[in-house]
N, C-alpha and C. Protein backbone atom coordinates (compact mmCIF):
# COMPACT_ATOMS: atom_id res chain seq x y z
N MET A 1 -12.18 10.78 1.54
CA MET A 1 -12.76 9.48 1.48
C MET A 1 -12.30 8.74 2.80
N ASN A 2 -13.29 8.15 3.46
CA ASN A 2 -13.00 7.37 4.72
C ASN A 2 -12.28 6.13 4.30
N HIS A 3 -11.38 5.68 5.19
CA HIS A 3 -10.72 4.31 5.10
C HIS A 3 -11.70 3.31 5.59
N THR A 4 -11.53 2.07 5.14
CA THR A 4 -12.42 1.04 5.58
C THR A 4 -11.54 0.07 6.39
N VAL A 5 -12.02 -0.29 7.67
CA VAL A 5 -11.31 -1.25 8.51
C VAL A 5 -12.29 -2.43 8.72
N LEU A 6 -11.81 -3.61 8.50
CA LEU A 6 -12.50 -4.86 8.63
C LEU A 6 -11.99 -5.52 9.85
N LEU A 7 -12.85 -5.80 10.84
CA LEU A 7 -12.55 -6.55 12.04
C LEU A 7 -13.10 -7.96 11.83
N VAL A 8 -12.19 -8.99 12.08
CA VAL A 8 -12.55 -10.31 11.91
C VAL A 8 -12.29 -11.14 13.15
N ASP A 9 -13.33 -11.63 13.78
CA ASP A 9 -13.23 -12.46 15.05
C ASP A 9 -14.53 -13.20 15.30
N ASP A 10 -14.37 -14.41 15.75
CA ASP A 10 -15.58 -15.21 15.89
C ASP A 10 -16.28 -14.96 17.27
N ASP A 11 -15.60 -14.09 18.13
CA ASP A 11 -16.13 -13.72 19.46
C ASP A 11 -16.84 -12.36 19.28
N PRO A 12 -18.22 -12.37 19.37
CA PRO A 12 -18.92 -11.09 19.26
C PRO A 12 -18.55 -10.03 20.24
N SER A 13 -18.10 -10.43 21.49
CA SER A 13 -17.76 -9.51 22.49
C SER A 13 -16.42 -8.71 21.99
N ILE A 14 -15.48 -9.43 21.36
CA ILE A 14 -14.24 -8.77 20.86
C ILE A 14 -14.64 -7.82 19.83
N LEU A 15 -15.44 -8.25 18.87
CA LEU A 15 -15.89 -7.34 17.71
C LEU A 15 -16.52 -6.03 18.30
N SER A 16 -17.39 -6.37 19.33
CA SER A 16 -18.06 -5.20 19.92
C SER A 16 -17.03 -4.23 20.62
N ALA A 17 -16.10 -4.78 21.33
CA ALA A 17 -15.17 -3.96 22.00
C ALA A 17 -14.20 -3.16 21.06
N LEU A 18 -13.81 -3.81 19.99
CA LEU A 18 -13.04 -3.14 18.89
C LEU A 18 -13.87 -1.99 18.25
N CYS A 19 -15.16 -2.27 18.01
CA CYS A 19 -16.02 -1.17 17.39
C CYS A 19 -16.12 0.02 18.42
N ARG A 20 -16.17 -0.24 19.66
CA ARG A 20 -16.26 0.84 20.68
C ARG A 20 -15.00 1.60 20.64
N VAL A 21 -13.92 0.89 20.59
CA VAL A 21 -12.56 1.56 20.60
C VAL A 21 -12.39 2.48 19.36
N LEU A 22 -12.99 2.04 18.21
CA LEU A 22 -12.68 2.76 17.00
C LEU A 22 -13.88 3.68 16.61
N HIS A 23 -14.95 3.78 17.42
CA HIS A 23 -16.09 4.52 17.00
C HIS A 23 -15.84 6.02 16.67
N LYS A 24 -14.76 6.62 17.31
CA LYS A 24 -14.56 7.98 17.09
C LYS A 24 -13.54 8.28 15.99
N GLU A 25 -13.01 7.09 15.34
CA GLU A 25 -12.01 7.24 14.28
C GLU A 25 -12.82 7.47 12.98
N PRO A 26 -12.14 8.14 12.01
CA PRO A 26 -12.78 8.40 10.82
C PRO A 26 -12.85 7.25 9.80
N TYR A 27 -13.23 6.08 10.22
CA TYR A 27 -13.21 4.88 9.50
C TYR A 27 -14.62 4.40 9.21
N ASP A 28 -14.85 3.71 8.11
CA ASP A 28 -15.94 2.88 7.93
C ASP A 28 -15.60 1.52 8.52
N ILE A 29 -16.36 1.06 9.54
CA ILE A 29 -16.01 -0.21 10.20
C ILE A 29 -16.92 -1.31 9.74
N LEU A 30 -16.32 -2.43 9.30
CA LEU A 30 -16.99 -3.60 8.94
C LEU A 30 -16.64 -4.68 9.92
N THR A 31 -17.61 -5.68 10.16
CA THR A 31 -17.12 -6.76 10.99
C THR A 31 -17.62 -8.05 10.34
N SER A 32 -16.77 -9.09 10.75
CA SER A 32 -17.09 -10.47 10.20
C SER A 32 -16.78 -11.44 11.35
N ALA A 33 -17.57 -12.43 11.37
CA ALA A 33 -17.40 -13.49 12.44
C ALA A 33 -16.62 -14.71 11.88
N SER A 34 -16.20 -14.64 10.63
CA SER A 34 -15.34 -15.73 10.23
C SER A 34 -14.45 -15.24 9.01
N ALA A 35 -13.36 -15.97 8.80
CA ALA A 35 -12.50 -15.68 7.65
C ALA A 35 -13.22 -15.85 6.27
N ALA A 36 -14.10 -16.87 6.20
CA ALA A 36 -14.85 -17.06 4.89
C ALA A 36 -15.73 -15.88 4.65
N GLU A 37 -16.42 -15.43 5.67
CA GLU A 37 -17.29 -14.24 5.49
C GLU A 37 -16.57 -13.00 5.17
N ALA A 38 -15.38 -12.90 5.72
CA ALA A 38 -14.44 -11.67 5.52
C ALA A 38 -13.99 -11.68 4.03
N LEU A 39 -13.67 -12.93 3.51
CA LEU A 39 -13.24 -13.04 2.14
C LEU A 39 -14.41 -12.61 1.24
N GLU A 40 -15.64 -12.92 1.54
CA GLU A 40 -16.78 -12.49 0.76
C GLU A 40 -16.92 -11.04 0.73
N ILE A 41 -16.70 -10.38 1.98
CA ILE A 41 -16.70 -8.88 1.98
C ILE A 41 -15.64 -8.26 1.12
N LEU A 42 -14.47 -8.91 1.19
CA LEU A 42 -13.31 -8.40 0.38
C LEU A 42 -13.55 -8.50 -1.10
N ASN A 43 -14.38 -9.36 -1.60
CA ASN A 43 -14.76 -9.45 -2.97
C ASN A 43 -15.71 -8.40 -3.41
N THR A 44 -16.32 -7.70 -2.50
CA THR A 44 -17.29 -6.71 -2.84
C THR A 44 -16.95 -5.35 -2.31
N ARG A 45 -16.07 -5.22 -1.43
CA ARG A 45 -15.68 -3.87 -0.89
C ARG A 45 -14.16 -3.67 -0.84
N ARG A 46 -13.76 -2.46 -1.04
CA ARG A 46 -12.30 -2.20 -0.81
C ARG A 46 -12.18 -2.02 0.67
N VAL A 47 -11.16 -2.75 1.16
CA VAL A 47 -10.75 -2.61 2.57
C VAL A 47 -9.30 -2.15 2.77
N ASP A 48 -9.11 -1.20 3.56
CA ASP A 48 -7.76 -0.63 3.77
C ASP A 48 -6.93 -1.35 4.89
N VAL A 49 -7.75 -1.80 5.96
CA VAL A 49 -7.04 -2.42 7.09
C VAL A 49 -7.78 -3.60 7.60
N ILE A 50 -7.22 -4.72 7.91
CA ILE A 50 -7.87 -5.84 8.49
C ILE A 50 -7.18 -6.13 9.85
N VAL A 51 -8.02 -6.31 10.90
CA VAL A 51 -7.67 -6.80 12.16
C VAL A 51 -8.29 -8.16 12.29
N SER A 52 -7.43 -9.18 12.30
CA SER A 52 -8.04 -10.60 12.38
C SER A 52 -7.51 -11.37 13.55
N ASP A 53 -8.47 -12.13 14.15
CA ASP A 53 -8.19 -13.08 15.13
C ASP A 53 -7.39 -14.25 14.44
N GLU A 54 -6.76 -15.09 15.28
CA GLU A 54 -5.94 -16.19 14.77
C GLU A 54 -6.83 -17.43 14.93
N GLU A 55 -7.41 -17.74 16.01
CA GLU A 55 -8.10 -18.98 16.35
C GLU A 55 -9.60 -18.80 15.95
N MET A 56 -9.90 -19.16 14.80
CA MET A 56 -11.35 -19.10 14.26
C MET A 56 -11.74 -20.45 13.67
N PRO A 57 -13.05 -20.87 13.74
CA PRO A 57 -13.38 -22.09 13.21
C PRO A 57 -13.44 -21.91 11.60
N GLY A 58 -13.14 -22.97 10.96
CA GLY A 58 -13.09 -22.89 9.48
C GLY A 58 -11.77 -22.53 8.91
N MET A 59 -11.14 -21.54 9.30
CA MET A 59 -9.92 -21.00 8.86
C MET A 59 -9.18 -20.14 9.80
N HIS A 60 -7.94 -20.54 10.07
CA HIS A 60 -7.12 -19.69 11.04
C HIS A 60 -6.85 -18.37 10.36
N GLY A 61 -6.52 -17.39 11.20
CA GLY A 61 -6.20 -16.03 10.82
C GLY A 61 -5.03 -15.94 9.92
N THR A 62 -4.00 -16.79 10.18
CA THR A 62 -2.76 -16.74 9.36
C THR A 62 -3.00 -17.16 7.93
N VAL A 63 -3.87 -18.19 7.82
CA VAL A 63 -4.28 -18.69 6.48
C VAL A 63 -5.02 -17.63 5.71
N PHE A 64 -6.01 -16.99 6.49
CA PHE A 64 -6.83 -15.85 5.91
C PHE A 64 -5.93 -14.70 5.50
N LEU A 65 -5.04 -14.26 6.30
CA LEU A 65 -4.29 -13.11 6.10
C LEU A 65 -3.22 -13.45 4.90
N HIS A 66 -2.88 -14.67 4.85
CA HIS A 66 -1.98 -15.03 3.61
C HIS A 66 -2.76 -14.82 2.34
N ARG A 67 -4.06 -15.29 2.32
CA ARG A 67 -4.83 -15.11 1.19
C ARG A 67 -5.05 -13.60 0.84
N VAL A 68 -5.28 -12.90 1.87
CA VAL A 68 -5.48 -11.36 1.73
C VAL A 68 -4.10 -10.78 1.09
N ARG A 69 -3.06 -11.18 1.66
CA ARG A 69 -1.76 -10.65 1.22
C ARG A 69 -1.52 -11.04 -0.30
N ASP A 70 -1.95 -12.17 -0.78
CA ASP A 70 -1.82 -12.53 -2.20
C ASP A 70 -2.75 -11.75 -3.02
N LYS A 71 -3.97 -11.61 -2.64
CA LYS A 71 -4.99 -10.99 -3.53
C LYS A 71 -5.17 -9.54 -3.34
N TYR A 72 -4.88 -8.93 -2.14
CA TYR A 72 -5.01 -7.57 -1.90
C TYR A 72 -3.74 -7.08 -1.09
N PRO A 73 -2.67 -7.06 -1.77
CA PRO A 73 -1.31 -6.64 -1.10
C PRO A 73 -1.22 -5.30 -0.48
N ASP A 74 -2.11 -4.37 -0.86
CA ASP A 74 -2.05 -3.02 -0.31
C ASP A 74 -2.85 -2.98 1.01
N THR A 75 -3.56 -3.96 1.29
CA THR A 75 -4.39 -3.89 2.57
C THR A 75 -3.52 -4.16 3.73
N VAL A 76 -3.58 -3.26 4.70
CA VAL A 76 -2.80 -3.39 6.01
C VAL A 76 -3.38 -4.44 6.82
N ARG A 77 -2.45 -5.48 7.29
CA ARG A 77 -3.00 -6.52 8.01
C ARG A 77 -2.36 -6.63 9.48
N PHE A 78 -3.27 -6.81 10.42
CA PHE A 78 -3.01 -7.00 11.86
C PHE A 78 -3.48 -8.36 12.33
N MET A 79 -2.75 -9.00 13.26
CA MET A 79 -3.19 -10.21 13.90
C MET A 79 -3.46 -9.91 15.32
N LEU A 80 -4.54 -10.55 15.81
CA LEU A 80 -5.00 -10.41 17.16
C LEU A 80 -5.30 -11.81 17.70
N THR A 81 -4.71 -12.17 18.78
CA THR A 81 -4.89 -13.51 19.28
C THR A 81 -4.79 -13.60 20.79
N GLY A 82 -5.61 -14.58 21.30
CA GLY A 82 -5.55 -14.82 22.74
C GLY A 82 -4.59 -15.94 23.05
N LYS A 83 -4.06 -16.66 22.09
CA LYS A 83 -3.23 -17.85 22.26
C LYS A 83 -1.92 -17.54 21.39
N ALA A 84 -1.16 -16.71 21.97
CA ALA A 84 0.09 -16.27 21.30
C ALA A 84 1.16 -17.30 21.51
N THR A 85 1.73 -17.73 20.35
CA THR A 85 2.99 -18.54 20.38
C THR A 85 3.95 -18.03 19.47
N VAL A 86 5.17 -18.34 19.63
CA VAL A 86 6.25 -17.84 18.72
C VAL A 86 5.95 -18.24 17.35
N GLN A 87 5.55 -19.52 17.16
CA GLN A 87 5.19 -20.06 15.72
C GLN A 87 4.04 -19.29 15.19
N THR A 88 3.02 -18.97 15.92
CA THR A 88 2.00 -18.18 15.37
C THR A 88 2.38 -16.82 14.93
N ALA A 89 3.25 -16.18 15.73
CA ALA A 89 3.72 -14.82 15.33
C ALA A 89 4.58 -14.89 14.12
N VAL A 90 5.51 -15.96 14.02
CA VAL A 90 6.38 -16.08 12.86
C VAL A 90 5.45 -16.37 11.61
N ASP A 91 4.49 -17.27 11.73
CA ASP A 91 3.60 -17.54 10.55
C ASP A 91 2.91 -16.36 10.11
N ALA A 92 2.37 -15.52 11.08
CA ALA A 92 1.59 -14.41 10.71
C ALA A 92 2.47 -13.40 9.98
N ILE A 93 3.72 -13.16 10.48
CA ILE A 93 4.72 -12.17 9.90
C ILE A 93 5.04 -12.69 8.52
N ASN A 94 5.46 -13.93 8.40
CA ASN A 94 6.06 -14.44 7.15
C ASN A 94 4.97 -14.73 6.09
N SER A 95 3.85 -15.47 6.56
CA SER A 95 2.82 -15.80 5.58
C SER A 95 1.81 -14.83 5.34
N GLY A 96 1.38 -14.14 6.43
CA GLY A 96 0.33 -13.07 6.30
C GLY A 96 0.88 -11.73 6.08
N GLY A 97 2.14 -11.47 6.23
CA GLY A 97 2.73 -10.20 6.10
C GLY A 97 2.18 -9.09 6.98
N ILE A 98 1.88 -9.49 8.18
CA ILE A 98 1.19 -8.52 9.11
C ILE A 98 2.12 -7.37 9.46
N ALA A 99 1.41 -6.29 9.82
CA ALA A 99 2.18 -5.05 10.29
C ALA A 99 2.34 -5.08 11.81
N ARG A 100 1.46 -5.67 12.50
CA ARG A 100 1.51 -5.72 13.99
C ARG A 100 0.84 -6.97 14.36
N PHE A 101 1.28 -7.45 15.60
CA PHE A 101 0.81 -8.64 16.23
C PHE A 101 0.28 -8.23 17.72
N PHE A 102 -0.99 -8.46 17.95
CA PHE A 102 -1.49 -8.02 19.27
C PHE A 102 -2.01 -9.29 20.05
N ILE A 103 -1.82 -9.25 21.32
CA ILE A 103 -2.20 -10.22 22.20
C ILE A 103 -3.46 -9.88 23.06
N LYS A 104 -4.50 -10.70 22.99
CA LYS A 104 -5.76 -10.36 23.84
C LYS A 104 -5.40 -10.61 25.25
N PRO A 105 -5.95 -9.88 26.23
CA PRO A 105 -6.61 -8.53 25.95
C PRO A 105 -5.49 -7.50 25.63
N CYS A 106 -5.86 -6.66 24.73
CA CYS A 106 -4.98 -5.57 24.34
C CYS A 106 -5.51 -4.24 24.45
N ASP A 107 -4.64 -3.25 24.52
CA ASP A 107 -5.07 -1.90 24.70
C ASP A 107 -5.68 -1.37 23.44
N GLY A 108 -6.98 -0.93 23.44
CA GLY A 108 -7.66 -0.41 22.30
C GLY A 108 -7.00 0.75 21.66
N ALA A 109 -6.52 1.71 22.56
CA ALA A 109 -5.79 2.81 21.98
C ALA A 109 -4.57 2.42 21.18
N GLU A 110 -3.92 1.39 21.59
CA GLU A 110 -2.70 0.91 20.82
C GLU A 110 -3.12 0.39 19.46
N ILE A 111 -4.29 -0.30 19.38
CA ILE A 111 -4.75 -0.69 18.11
C ILE A 111 -5.11 0.44 17.24
N ALA A 112 -5.80 1.50 17.78
CA ALA A 112 -6.16 2.62 17.03
C ALA A 112 -4.98 3.42 16.44
N VAL A 113 -3.89 3.52 17.31
CA VAL A 113 -2.63 4.17 16.89
C VAL A 113 -2.02 3.28 15.76
N ALA A 114 -2.00 2.01 15.91
CA ALA A 114 -1.33 1.16 14.98
C ALA A 114 -2.08 1.20 13.59
N ILE A 115 -3.41 1.37 13.64
CA ILE A 115 -4.20 1.48 12.41
C ILE A 115 -3.81 2.79 11.74
N ARG A 116 -3.77 3.86 12.53
CA ARG A 116 -3.40 5.14 11.89
C ARG A 116 -1.98 5.01 11.21
N GLN A 117 -0.99 4.43 11.94
CA GLN A 117 0.38 4.35 11.45
C GLN A 117 0.38 3.38 10.16
N GLY A 118 -0.44 2.35 10.21
CA GLY A 118 -0.45 1.47 9.11
C GLY A 118 -1.02 2.14 7.88
N LEU A 119 -1.99 2.93 8.07
CA LEU A 119 -2.55 3.60 6.93
C LEU A 119 -1.54 4.72 6.42
N GLN A 120 -0.90 5.33 7.25
CA GLN A 120 0.11 6.33 6.82
C GLN A 120 1.18 5.66 5.96
N GLN A 121 1.63 4.52 6.52
CA GLN A 121 2.63 3.74 5.81
C GLN A 121 2.16 3.27 4.45
N ARG A 122 0.95 2.78 4.40
CA ARG A 122 0.33 2.33 3.16
C ARG A 122 0.28 3.47 2.17
N GLU A 123 -0.18 4.61 2.55
CA GLU A 123 -0.25 5.80 1.66
C GLU A 123 1.15 6.05 1.05
N LEU A 124 2.14 6.04 1.96
CA LEU A 124 3.48 6.41 1.48
C LEU A 124 3.98 5.41 0.44
N LEU A 125 3.68 4.07 0.71
CA LEU A 125 4.16 3.08 -0.27
C LEU A 125 3.38 3.19 -1.58
N ILE A 126 2.24 3.51 -1.49
CA ILE A 126 1.39 3.77 -2.75
C ILE A 126 1.94 4.89 -3.60
N TYR A 127 2.25 6.03 -2.74
CA TYR A 127 2.82 7.27 -3.44
C TYR A 127 4.18 6.95 -4.09
N ALA A 128 5.01 6.20 -3.25
CA ALA A 128 6.32 5.86 -3.88
C ALA A 128 6.24 4.99 -4.98
N ARG A 129 5.23 4.07 -5.08
CA ARG A 129 5.10 3.23 -6.30
C ARG A 129 4.66 4.21 -7.46
N LYS A 130 3.86 5.14 -7.21
CA LYS A 130 3.46 5.98 -8.34
C LYS A 130 4.61 6.89 -8.82
N LEU A 131 5.47 7.38 -7.82
CA LEU A 131 6.68 8.07 -8.24
C LEU A 131 7.63 7.20 -9.06
N LEU A 132 7.78 6.05 -8.65
CA LEU A 132 8.70 5.09 -9.38
C LEU A 132 8.18 4.89 -10.80
N GLN A 133 6.85 4.63 -11.05
CA GLN A 133 6.30 4.53 -12.35
C GLN A 133 6.51 5.73 -13.13
N LYS A 134 6.27 6.91 -12.57
CA LYS A 134 6.48 8.14 -13.25
C LYS A 134 7.97 8.37 -13.70
N GLY A 135 8.91 7.95 -12.82
CA GLY A 135 10.29 8.02 -13.15
C GLY A 135 10.61 7.09 -14.32
N LYS A 136 10.14 5.91 -14.26
CA LYS A 136 10.30 5.01 -15.40
C LYS A 136 9.78 5.52 -16.74
N LYS A 137 8.56 6.16 -16.66
CA LYS A 137 7.98 6.73 -17.91
C LYS A 137 8.96 7.88 -18.53
N GLN A 138 9.41 8.66 -17.48
CA GLN A 138 10.31 9.83 -17.93
C GLN A 138 11.59 9.28 -18.44
N SER A 139 12.14 8.23 -17.96
CA SER A 139 13.32 7.69 -18.41
C SER A 139 13.21 7.07 -19.82
N ARG A 140 12.01 6.45 -20.09
CA ARG A 140 11.72 5.88 -21.36
C ARG A 140 11.61 7.11 -22.41
N LEU A 141 11.04 8.23 -21.94
CA LEU A 141 10.88 9.43 -22.84
C LEU A 141 12.23 9.90 -23.25
N ILE A 142 13.18 9.97 -22.23
CA ILE A 142 14.53 10.48 -22.52
C ILE A 142 15.23 9.63 -23.50
N GLU A 143 15.00 8.29 -23.23
CA GLU A 143 15.66 7.26 -24.17
C GLU A 143 15.16 7.42 -25.61
N GLN A 144 13.82 7.64 -25.70
CA GLN A 144 13.22 7.84 -27.00
C GLN A 144 13.83 9.17 -27.71
N LEU A 145 13.84 10.19 -26.97
CA LEU A 145 14.36 11.55 -27.44
C LEU A 145 15.80 11.40 -27.90
N GLU A 146 16.57 10.65 -27.09
CA GLU A 146 17.99 10.48 -27.42
C GLU A 146 18.13 9.67 -28.67
N GLU A 147 17.22 8.70 -28.82
CA GLU A 147 17.17 7.94 -30.03
C GLU A 147 16.84 8.77 -31.30
N ASN A 148 15.83 9.59 -31.17
CA ASN A 148 15.42 10.43 -32.29
C ASN A 148 16.29 11.64 -32.50
N TYR A 149 16.90 12.13 -31.50
CA TYR A 149 17.70 13.35 -31.48
C TYR A 149 19.00 13.06 -30.72
N PRO A 150 19.94 12.35 -31.45
CA PRO A 150 21.29 11.93 -30.75
C PRO A 150 21.90 13.08 -30.08
N ASN A 151 22.42 12.77 -28.91
CA ASN A 151 23.12 13.76 -27.99
C ASN A 151 22.27 14.92 -27.50
N ILE A 152 21.01 14.79 -27.66
CA ILE A 152 20.21 15.94 -26.99
C ILE A 152 20.27 16.05 -25.58
N THR A 153 20.52 15.03 -24.88
CA THR A 153 20.60 14.97 -23.45
C THR A 153 22.00 15.20 -23.01
N LYS A 154 22.96 15.35 -23.94
CA LYS A 154 24.35 15.61 -23.52
C LYS A 154 24.51 17.04 -23.04
N VAL A 155 25.17 17.16 -21.88
CA VAL A 155 25.41 18.52 -21.32
C VAL A 155 26.93 18.72 -21.19
N SER A 156 27.38 19.86 -21.82
CA SER A 156 28.78 20.16 -21.71
C SER A 156 28.97 21.41 -20.86
N ARG A 157 30.02 21.43 -20.03
CA ARG A 157 30.32 22.52 -19.02
C ARG A 157 31.68 23.00 -19.20
N ASP A 158 31.79 24.36 -18.97
CA ASP A 158 33.20 24.96 -19.09
C ASP A 158 33.84 24.72 -17.75
N ALA A 159 35.05 25.28 -17.58
CA ALA A 159 35.89 25.15 -16.44
C ALA A 159 35.18 25.65 -15.15
N ASP A 160 34.26 26.66 -15.35
CA ASP A 160 33.60 27.22 -14.19
C ASP A 160 32.31 26.47 -13.87
N GLY A 161 31.93 25.44 -14.64
CA GLY A 161 30.66 24.74 -14.47
C GLY A 161 29.49 25.28 -15.25
N ALA A 162 29.70 26.39 -15.96
CA ALA A 162 28.50 26.93 -16.80
C ALA A 162 28.30 25.88 -17.94
N ILE A 163 26.97 25.78 -18.23
CA ILE A 163 26.61 24.96 -19.38
C ILE A 163 26.92 25.59 -20.70
N LEU A 164 27.59 24.80 -21.56
CA LEU A 164 27.83 25.24 -22.93
C LEU A 164 26.71 24.87 -23.87
N VAL A 165 26.22 25.68 -24.66
CA VAL A 165 25.27 25.32 -25.62
C VAL A 165 25.85 25.13 -26.97
N ASP A 166 25.71 23.94 -27.43
CA ASP A 166 26.18 23.59 -28.87
C ASP A 166 25.14 24.00 -29.83
N ASP A 167 25.65 24.41 -31.06
CA ASP A 167 24.69 24.69 -32.08
C ASP A 167 23.92 23.37 -32.46
N TRP A 168 22.63 23.47 -32.51
CA TRP A 168 21.84 22.34 -32.81
C TRP A 168 20.98 22.64 -34.14
N ASN A 169 21.01 21.83 -35.00
CA ASN A 169 20.33 22.06 -36.30
C ASN A 169 19.03 21.32 -36.44
N GLY A 170 18.45 20.76 -35.33
CA GLY A 170 17.22 20.04 -35.39
C GLY A 170 16.05 21.04 -35.38
N ASP A 171 14.87 20.47 -35.62
CA ASP A 171 13.60 21.24 -35.72
C ASP A 171 13.09 21.29 -34.19
N LEU A 172 13.30 22.54 -33.72
CA LEU A 172 12.87 22.69 -32.23
C LEU A 172 11.35 22.54 -32.02
N ASP A 173 10.61 23.01 -32.96
CA ASP A 173 9.06 22.91 -32.86
C ASP A 173 8.66 21.43 -32.90
N GLN A 174 9.28 20.69 -33.74
CA GLN A 174 8.98 19.21 -33.78
C GLN A 174 9.35 18.59 -32.49
N LEU A 175 10.55 18.89 -31.90
CA LEU A 175 11.02 18.39 -30.64
C LEU A 175 10.02 18.74 -29.54
N MET A 176 9.56 19.96 -29.53
CA MET A 176 8.65 20.44 -28.46
C MET A 176 7.39 19.70 -28.47
N ASN A 177 6.85 19.51 -29.79
CA ASN A 177 5.63 18.79 -29.95
C ASN A 177 5.73 17.38 -29.42
N GLU A 178 6.88 16.77 -29.74
CA GLU A 178 6.98 15.37 -29.36
C GLU A 178 7.02 15.22 -27.83
N ILE A 179 7.76 16.17 -27.23
CA ILE A 179 7.87 16.10 -25.75
C ILE A 179 6.52 16.36 -25.18
N CYS A 180 5.89 17.40 -25.50
CA CYS A 180 4.45 17.76 -25.07
C CYS A 180 3.51 16.55 -25.35
N GLY A 181 3.59 15.93 -26.44
CA GLY A 181 2.71 14.78 -26.67
C GLY A 181 2.95 13.64 -25.73
N HIS A 182 4.18 13.32 -25.34
CA HIS A 182 4.49 12.32 -24.34
C HIS A 182 3.97 12.76 -23.00
N LEU A 183 4.17 14.10 -22.60
CA LEU A 183 3.70 14.57 -21.21
C LEU A 183 2.28 14.48 -21.10
N SER A 184 1.54 14.81 -22.28
CA SER A 184 0.15 14.78 -22.21
C SER A 184 -0.56 13.39 -22.01
N HIS A 185 0.22 12.36 -22.23
CA HIS A 185 -0.31 11.06 -22.10
C HIS A 185 -0.12 10.56 -20.70
N GLU A 186 0.53 11.31 -19.78
CA GLU A 186 0.76 10.78 -18.45
C GLU A 186 -0.42 10.94 -17.55
C-alpha cells in the first residue's frame, strides 16, 4: 500500500516544485492551497505525512498542524516556511508536534529523505504500540491463569539452575483449553 503525502501551501509554485521533487517516490501525493481545504481532505482520506506552509490565509500552519496532531496523531507532520523565526519553530514543535522544520527555499532531496525517515519512525511507533498491547494482553492472561491455578507460574530451580517440576494435580486438558481459548481471541 502506498503512503499518502499531503502538501499544503497557498503558493502554487511551491506545491508544483514539491510535486516534482516527490514524483519518483512511491507516494500518493495530494495538494491543498489552504489549511481549511487540507482539513476537509483529512476527513475523507488517510494521510501519512503532511508538509505544511506556515504563512497561509485563513489559518497558520502551526494552528493547522496542532489540529492534525490532536485528531490524527499518527500522521507525520513537517513545517515549511519562508519566514522562519525562533517563535514559529518553537510553536510548530510544541503545538504541532512537527518532525522537521524546513526553511524556504529548501533542498527537495532533503524533504524526500525526511519523509522517508518520518514514515519509518511512524511504522516503528505503530509496531511498538501493537507489541505493548500484546504484552498487556499476555500479562492479563497470566494473571487470570494464576488466579484460576495458583502457583502455576511459579518456577523452582535446583542449585545448578535446572527447573524443578512439582507434582500438579490440576486438569491439564482444561488448562490447555483455557490458554488456547485466550490465544485464539488475539
